[in-house]
């Protein structure tokens, strides 16, 4: 693997996609999902909203594990001025996909790395622009029947079957999946929570 943890890291999220993104580059995490009421937070603007939610998720877990390093994250899809959450029915999924059809939308992920005992906190937000191709009614109905839209903000998964919906993206791909890996790795390195394995050095000895 490319990285080695220098400290234990807790992921305050039940998203299997975030866990997969971290593990595929060798970052090991313990998963302890936070249990906050996301509806209680008033929406101001997308950046502030996801940054604050990522903090609240991390801080909720940190209350029980104040000496641990916690990573919290939150992803939203914005179409026009509307937040598209996870569809709760087939009709809602169809409506969302119709709204995104042949148009640009924005995906924002806020993340937070914190340690209460060390009073350490870094927050950031990454934005990606995504453009859908023109979808026929048949394509939309077929995709909804796969079941993939129902646990995903915006009603699609770019890393799964939903890859065929996306014509173009500008910005971080992993951000659309649920975690901007480049920026998260930079943050973890800044805090000295991970380090590169010196494979070249080992090869010489």
C-alpha atoms as a PDB file:
ATOM      1  CA  UNK A   1       0.000   0.000   0.000  1.00  0.00           C
ATOM      2  CA  UNK A   2       1.063   3.602  -0.569  1.00  0.00           C
ATOM      3  CA  UNK A   3       0.396   4.999   2.903  1.00  0.00           C
ATOM      4  CA  UNK A   4       0.824   3.968   6.486  1.00  0.00           C
ATOM      5  CA  UNK A   5      -1.202   5.436   9.321  1.00  0.00           C
ATOM      6  CA  UNK A   6       0.867   7.046  12.044  1.00  0.00           C
ATOM      7  CA  UNK A   7      -2.283   7.485  14.158  1.00  0.00           C
ATOM      8  CA  UNK A   8      -5.611   5.664  14.353  1.00  0.00           C
ATOM      9  CA  UNK A   9      -8.314   7.427  12.367  1.00  0.00           C
ATOM     10  CA  UNK A  10     -12.077   7.193  12.919  1.00  0.00           C
ATOM     11  CA  UNK A  11     -14.398   7.776   9.956  1.00  0.00           C
ATOM     12  CA  UNK A  12     -17.617   9.358  11.248  1.00  0.00           C
ATOM     13  CA  UNK A  13     -19.627   8.045   8.301  1.00  0.00           C
ATOM     14  CA  UNK A  14     -21.450   4.874   7.351  1.00  0.00           C
ATOM     15  CA  UNK A  15     -20.813   5.513   3.646  1.00  0.00           C
ATOM     16  CA  UNK A  16     -19.137   2.418   2.157  1.00  0.00           C
ATOM     17  CA  UNK A  17     -17.906   4.597  -0.709  1.00  0.00           C
ATOM     18  CA  UNK A  18     -15.872   6.880   1.597  1.00  0.00           C
ATOM     19  CA  UNK A  19     -14.374   3.859   3.317  1.00  0.00           C
ATOM     20  CA  UNK A  20     -13.520   2.284  -0.055  1.00  0.00           C
ATOM     21  CA  UNK A  21     -11.854   5.487  -1.320  1.00  0.00           C
ATOM     22  CA  UNK A  22      -9.595   5.623   1.740  1.00  0.00           C
ATOM     23  CA  UNK A  23      -8.773   1.920   1.809  1.00  0.00           C
ATOM     24  CA  UNK A  24      -7.909   1.754  -1.885  1.00  0.00           C
ATOM     25  CA  UNK A  25      -4.962   4.062  -1.199  1.00  0.00           C
ATOM     26  CA  UNK A  26      -3.968   2.229   1.975  1.00  0.00           C
ATOM     27  CA  UNK A  27      -5.514   4.419   4.689  1.00  0.00           C
ATOM     28  CA  UNK A  28      -7.064   2.318   7.440  1.00  0.00           C
ATOM     29  CA  UNK A  29     -10.045   3.680   9.369  1.00  0.00           C
ATOM     30  CA  UNK A  30     -12.399   2.567  12.104  1.00  0.00           C
ATOM     31  CA  UNK A  31     -16.018   3.329  11.229  1.00  0.00           C
ATOM     32  CA  UNK A  32     -18.221   4.993  13.838  1.00  0.00           C
ATOM     33  CA  UNK A  33     -21.147   6.736  12.130  1.00  0.00           C
ATOM     34  CA  UNK A  34     -22.392   9.902  13.777  1.00  0.00           C
ATOM     35  CA  UNK A  35     -26.038  10.258  14.619  1.00  0.00           C
ATOM     36  CA  UNK A  36     -26.874  13.923  14.119  1.00  0.00           C
ATOM     37  CA  UNK A  37     -30.086  15.480  12.877  1.00  0.00           C
ATOM     38  CA  UNK A  38     -29.028  16.951   9.541  1.00  0.00           C
ATOM     39  CA  UNK A  39     -32.439  18.565   9.098  1.00  0.00           C
ATOM     40  CA  UNK A  40     -31.810  20.760  12.144  1.00  0.00           C
ATOM     41  CA  UNK A  41     -29.068  22.728  10.375  1.00  0.00           C
ATOM     42  CA  UNK A  42     -30.311  25.711   8.409  1.00  0.00           C
ATOM     43  CA  UNK A  43     -29.056  25.953   4.839  1.00  0.00           C
ATOM     44  CA  UNK A  44     -27.034  29.113   4.210  1.00  0.00           C
ATOM     45  CA  UNK A  45     -24.782  28.472   1.222  1.00  0.00           C
ATOM     46  CA  UNK A  46     -23.450  25.129  -0.051  1.00  0.00           C
ATOM     47  CA  UNK A  47     -19.858  25.552   1.168  1.00  0.00           C
ATOM     48  CA  UNK A  48     -20.774  26.625   4.689  1.00  0.00           C
ATOM     49  CA  UNK A  49     -23.503  23.996   4.918  1.00  0.00           C
ATOM     50  CA  UNK A  50     -21.304  20.972   4.096  1.00  0.00           C
ATOM     51  CA  UNK A  51     -18.387  22.298   6.134  1.00  0.00           C
ATOM     52  CA  UNK A  52     -20.642  22.717   9.179  1.00  0.00           C
ATOM     53  CA  UNK A  53     -22.286  19.308   8.714  1.00  0.00           C
ATOM     54  CA  UNK A  54     -18.904  17.597   8.392  1.00  0.00           C
ATOM     55  CA  UNK A  55     -17.811  19.308  11.625  1.00  0.00           C
ATOM     56  CA  UNK A  56     -21.006  18.329  13.466  1.00  0.00           C
ATOM     57  CA  UNK A  57     -20.589  14.702  12.374  1.00  0.00           C
ATOM     58  CA  UNK A  58     -16.954  14.576  13.507  1.00  0.00           C
ATOM     59  CA  UNK A  59     -17.658  16.443  16.746  1.00  0.00           C
ATOM     60  CA  UNK A  60     -20.518  14.103  17.648  1.00  0.00           C
ATOM     61  CA  UNK A  61     -18.135  11.125  17.564  1.00  0.00           C
ATOM     62  CA  UNK A  62     -15.347  13.155  19.218  1.00  0.00           C
ATOM     63  CA  UNK A  63     -17.540  13.678  22.286  1.00  0.00           C
ATOM     64  CA  UNK A  64     -17.178   9.954  23.011  1.00  0.00           C
ATOM     65  CA  UNK A  65     -13.582   9.693  21.717  1.00  0.00           C
ATOM     66  CA  UNK A  66     -11.951  13.026  22.636  1.00  0.00           C
ATOM     67  CA  UNK A  67      -8.382  11.697  22.271  1.00  0.00           C
ATOM     68  CA  UNK A  68      -8.965  10.238  18.779  1.00  0.00           C
ATOM     69  CA  UNK A  69      -8.540  11.680  15.313  1.00  0.00           C
ATOM     70  CA  UNK A  70     -11.921  11.898  13.578  1.00  0.00           C
ATOM     71  CA  UNK A  71     -12.762  12.429   9.909  1.00  0.00           C
ATOM     72  CA  UNK A  72     -16.251  13.709   9.124  1.00  0.00           C
ATOM     73  CA  UNK A  73     -17.659  14.420   5.662  1.00  0.00           C
ATOM     74  CA  UNK A  74     -20.872  15.460   3.980  1.00  0.00           C
ATOM     75  CA  UNK A  75     -21.784  15.586   0.275  1.00  0.00           C
ATOM     76  CA  UNK A  76     -24.651  17.467  -1.358  1.00  0.00           C
ATOM     77  CA  UNK A  77     -25.844  17.862  -4.932  1.00  0.00           C
ATOM     78  CA  UNK A  78     -27.079  21.299  -6.020  1.00  0.00           C
ATOM     79  CA  UNK A  79     -29.221  21.766  -9.118  1.00  0.00           C
ATOM     80  CA  UNK A  80     -29.994  25.433  -9.672  1.00  0.00           C
ATOM     81  CA  UNK A  81     -30.703  26.610  -6.126  1.00  0.00           C
ATOM     82  CA  UNK A  82     -32.121  23.295  -4.906  1.00  0.00           C
ATOM     83  CA  UNK A  83     -30.441  20.621  -2.774  1.00  0.00           C
ATOM     84  CA  UNK A  84     -31.064  17.141  -4.121  1.00  0.00           C
ATOM     85  CA  UNK A  85     -30.916  14.591  -1.326  1.00  0.00           C
ATOM     86  CA  UNK A  86     -31.459  10.842  -1.474  1.00  0.00           C
ATOM     87  CA  UNK A  87     -34.677   9.928  -3.298  1.00  0.00           C
ATOM     88  CA  UNK A  88     -37.225   8.163  -1.108  1.00  0.00           C
ATOM     89  CA  UNK A  89     -39.353   6.702  -3.906  1.00  0.00           C
ATOM     90  CA  UNK A  90     -39.174   5.730  -7.562  1.00  0.00           C
ATOM     91  CA  UNK A  91     -41.132   8.830  -8.547  1.00  0.00           C
ATOM     92  CA  UNK A  92     -38.772  11.075  -6.608  1.00  0.00           C
ATOM     93  CA  UNK A  93     -35.765   9.396  -8.257  1.00  0.00           C
ATOM     94  CA  UNK A  94     -37.326   9.908 -11.697  1.00  0.00           C
ATOM     95  CA  UNK A  95     -38.009  13.580 -10.892  1.00  0.00           C
ATOM     96  CA  UNK A  96     -34.389  14.118  -9.779  1.00  0.00           C
ATOM     97  CA  UNK A  97     -32.941  12.509 -12.889  1.00  0.00           C
ATOM     98  CA  UNK A  98     -35.265  14.565 -15.082  1.00  0.00           C
ATOM     99  CA  UNK A  99     -34.028  17.676 -13.292  1.00  0.00           C
ATOM    100  CA  UNK A 100     -30.383  16.741 -13.921  1.00  0.00           C
ATOM    101  CA  UNK A 101     -31.021  15.550 -17.491  1.00  0.00           C
ATOM    102  CA  UNK A 102     -28.833  17.282 -20.119  1.00  0.00           C
ATOM    103  CA  UNK A 103     -27.724  19.932 -17.582  1.00  0.00           C
ATOM    104  CA  UNK A 104     -24.871  20.917 -15.298  1.00  0.00           C
ATOM    105  CA  UNK A 105     -25.097  20.488 -11.542  1.00  0.00           C
ATOM    106  CA  UNK A 106     -22.662  20.991  -8.670  1.00  0.00           C
ATOM    107  CA  UNK A 107     -21.439  18.503  -6.084  1.00  0.00           C
ATOM    108  CA  UNK A 108     -20.025  19.856  -2.830  1.00  0.00           C
ATOM    109  CA  UNK A 109     -18.225  17.785  -0.210  1.00  0.00           C
ATOM    110  CA  UNK A 110     -17.180  19.292   3.075  1.00  0.00           C
ATOM    111  CA  UNK A 111     -14.752  17.428   5.305  1.00  0.00           C
ATOM    112  CA  UNK A 112     -13.319  17.939   8.751  1.00  0.00           C
ATOM    113  CA  UNK A 113     -10.399  16.308  10.565  1.00  0.00           C
ATOM    114  CA  UNK A 114     -10.295  16.953  14.285  1.00  0.00           C
ATOM    115  CA  UNK A 115      -8.910  15.856  17.631  1.00  0.00           C
ATOM    116  CA  UNK A 116     -10.618  17.413  20.666  1.00  0.00           C
ATOM    117  CA  UNK A 117      -7.859  16.628  23.153  1.00  0.00           C
ATOM    118  CA  UNK A 118      -5.212  18.208  20.916  1.00  0.00           C
ATOM    119  CA  UNK A 119      -7.563  21.086  19.958  1.00  0.00           C
ATOM    120  CA  UNK A 120      -6.720  20.357  16.321  1.00  0.00           C
ATOM    121  CA  UNK A 121      -9.204  21.121  13.558  1.00  0.00           C
ATOM    122  CA  UNK A 122      -8.924  21.446   9.775  1.00  0.00           C
ATOM    123  CA  UNK A 123     -11.986  21.948   7.556  1.00  0.00           C
ATOM    124  CA  UNK A 124     -12.304  22.267   3.799  1.00  0.00           C
ATOM    125  CA  UNK A 125     -14.861  22.104   0.999  1.00  0.00           C
ATOM    126  CA  UNK A 126     -14.406  20.908  -2.584  1.00  0.00           C
ATOM    127  CA  UNK A 127     -16.742  21.627  -5.504  1.00  0.00           C
ATOM    128  CA  UNK A 128     -17.121  19.625  -8.727  1.00  0.00           C
ATOM    129  CA  UNK A 129     -19.240  20.491 -11.742  1.00  0.00           C
ATOM    130  CA  UNK A 130     -20.974  17.533 -13.405  1.00  0.00           C
ATOM    131  CA  UNK A 131     -22.837  17.462 -16.718  1.00  0.00           C
ATOM    132  CA  UNK A 132     -25.360  14.766 -17.593  1.00  0.00           C
ATOM    133  CA  UNK A 133     -25.890  13.612 -21.147  1.00  0.00           C
ATOM    134  CA  UNK A 134     -29.338  13.823 -22.709  1.00  0.00           C
ATOM    135  CA  UNK A 135     -31.247  10.900 -21.214  1.00  0.00           C
ATOM    136  CA  UNK A 136     -34.234   9.274 -22.838  1.00  0.00           C
ATOM    137  CA  UNK A 137     -37.275   8.417 -20.744  1.00  0.00           C
ATOM    138  CA  UNK A 138     -36.409   4.744 -21.201  1.00  0.00           C
ATOM    139  CA  UNK A 139     -32.874   5.236 -19.869  1.00  0.00           C
ATOM    140  CA  UNK A 140     -34.153   7.053 -16.780  1.00  0.00           C
ATOM    141  CA  UNK A 141     -36.763   4.410 -15.986  1.00  0.00           C
ATOM    142  CA  UNK A 142     -34.251   1.599 -16.554  1.00  0.00           C
ATOM    143  CA  UNK A 143     -31.700   3.234 -14.236  1.00  0.00           C
ATOM    144  CA  UNK A 144     -34.261   3.760 -11.472  1.00  0.00           C
ATOM    145  CA  UNK A 145     -35.237   0.077 -11.715  1.00  0.00           C
ATOM    146  CA  UNK A 146     -31.617  -0.928 -10.968  1.00  0.00           C
ATOM    147  CA  UNK A 147     -32.173   0.404  -7.435  1.00  0.00           C
ATOM    148  CA  UNK A 148     -28.880   2.309  -7.436  1.00  0.00           C
ATOM    149  CA  UNK A 149     -30.326   5.838  -6.999  1.00  0.00           C
ATOM    150  CA  UNK A 150     -31.896   5.294  -3.596  1.00  0.00           C
ATOM    151  CA  UNK A 151     -28.971   5.688  -1.190  1.00  0.00           C
ATOM    152  CA  UNK A 152     -27.202   8.435  -3.114  1.00  0.00           C
ATOM    153  CA  UNK A 153     -27.503  12.216  -3.040  1.00  0.00           C
ATOM    154  CA  UNK A 154     -28.848  13.422  -6.360  1.00  0.00           C
ATOM    155  CA  UNK A 155     -30.165   9.963  -7.175  1.00  0.00           C
ATOM    156  CA  UNK A 156     -27.118   8.582  -8.998  1.00  0.00           C
ATOM    157  CA  UNK A 157     -23.757   6.920  -8.397  1.00  0.00           C
ATOM    158  CA  UNK A 158     -20.939   8.026 -10.697  1.00  0.00           C
ATOM    159  CA  UNK A 159     -18.776   5.098  -9.552  1.00  0.00           C
ATOM    160  CA  UNK A 160     -21.457   2.529 -10.416  1.00  0.00           C
ATOM    161  CA  UNK A 161     -24.048   1.980 -13.127  1.00  0.00           C
ATOM    162  CA  UNK A 162     -24.655   5.738 -13.102  1.00  0.00           C
ATOM    163  CA  UNK A 163     -21.328   6.304 -14.853  1.00  0.00           C
ATOM    164  CA  UNK A 164     -23.230   6.184 -18.155  1.00  0.00           C
ATOM    165  CA  UNK A 165     -25.250   9.268 -17.171  1.00  0.00           C
ATOM    166  CA  UNK A 166     -22.226  11.551 -16.907  1.00  0.00           C
ATOM    167  CA  UNK A 167     -20.971  13.260 -20.034  1.00  0.00           C
ATOM    168  CA  UNK A 168     -18.393  15.538 -18.451  1.00  0.00           C
ATOM    169  CA  UNK A 169     -16.972  16.597 -15.100  1.00  0.00           C
ATOM    170  CA  UNK A 170     -14.844  19.579 -14.094  1.00  0.00           C
ATOM    171  CA  UNK A 171     -12.992  19.030 -10.845  1.00  0.00           C
ATOM    172  CA  UNK A 172     -12.412  16.108  -8.505  1.00  0.00           C
ATOM    173  CA  UNK A 173     -13.964  12.778  -9.507  1.00  0.00           C
ATOM    174  CA  UNK A 174     -13.619  11.269  -6.030  1.00  0.00           C
ATOM    175  CA  UNK A 175     -15.446  14.311  -4.646  1.00  0.00           C
ATOM    176  CA  UNK A 176     -18.532  13.207  -6.601  1.00  0.00           C
ATOM    177  CA  UNK A 177     -18.155   9.696  -5.171  1.00  0.00           C
ATOM    178  CA  UNK A 178     -18.207  11.211  -1.674  1.00  0.00           C
ATOM    179  CA  UNK A 179     -14.726  12.268  -0.568  1.00  0.00           C
ATOM    180  CA  UNK A 180     -12.130  14.536  -2.255  1.00  0.00           C
ATOM    181  CA  UNK A 181      -9.216  12.153  -1.808  1.00  0.00           C
ATOM    182  CA  UNK A 182      -6.475  14.551  -2.940  1.00  0.00           C
ATOM    183  CA  UNK A 183      -7.432  17.242  -0.412  1.00  0.00           C
ATOM    184  CA  UNK A 184      -8.097  14.746   2.394  1.00  0.00           C
ATOM    185  CA  UNK A 185      -4.676  13.124   1.903  1.00  0.00           C
ATOM    186  CA  UNK A 186      -3.004  16.552   1.943  1.00  0.00           C
ATOM    187  CA  UNK A 187      -4.796  17.347   5.216  1.00  0.00           C
ATOM    188  CA  UNK A 188      -3.855  14.017   6.818  1.00  0.00           C
ATOM    189  CA  UNK A 189      -0.233  14.579   5.803  1.00  0.00           C
ATOM    190  CA  UNK A 190      -0.282  18.128   7.192  1.00  0.00           C
ATOM    191  CA  UNK A 191      -1.419  16.698  10.531  1.00  0.00           C
ATOM    192  CA  UNK A 192       1.180  13.890  10.235  1.00  0.00           C
ATOM    193  CA  UNK A 193      -1.535  11.224  10.496  1.00  0.00           C
ATOM    194  CA  UNK A 194      -0.245   9.337   7.445  1.00  0.00           C
ATOM    195  CA  UNK A 195       3.087   9.050   5.709  1.00  0.00           C
ATOM    196  CA  UNK A 196       4.371   7.620   2.454  1.00  0.00           C
ATOM    197  CA  UNK A 197       6.187   4.333   2.694  1.00  0.00           C
ATOM    198  CA  UNK A 198       9.707   4.834   1.448  1.00  0.00           C
ATOM    199  CA  UNK A 199       9.702   1.900  -0.982  1.00  0.00           C
ATOM    200  CA  UNK A 200      12.664   3.285  -2.960  1.00  0.00           C
ATOM    201  CA  UNK A 201      14.741   3.472   0.222  1.00  0.00           C
ATOM    202  CA  UNK A 202      13.834  -0.119   1.152  1.00  0.00           C
ATOM    203  CA  UNK A 203      14.671  -1.318  -2.363  1.00  0.00           C
ATOM    204  CA  UNK A 204      18.211   0.060  -2.006  1.00  0.00           C
ATOM    205  CA  UNK A 205      18.829  -1.778   1.240  1.00  0.00           C
END
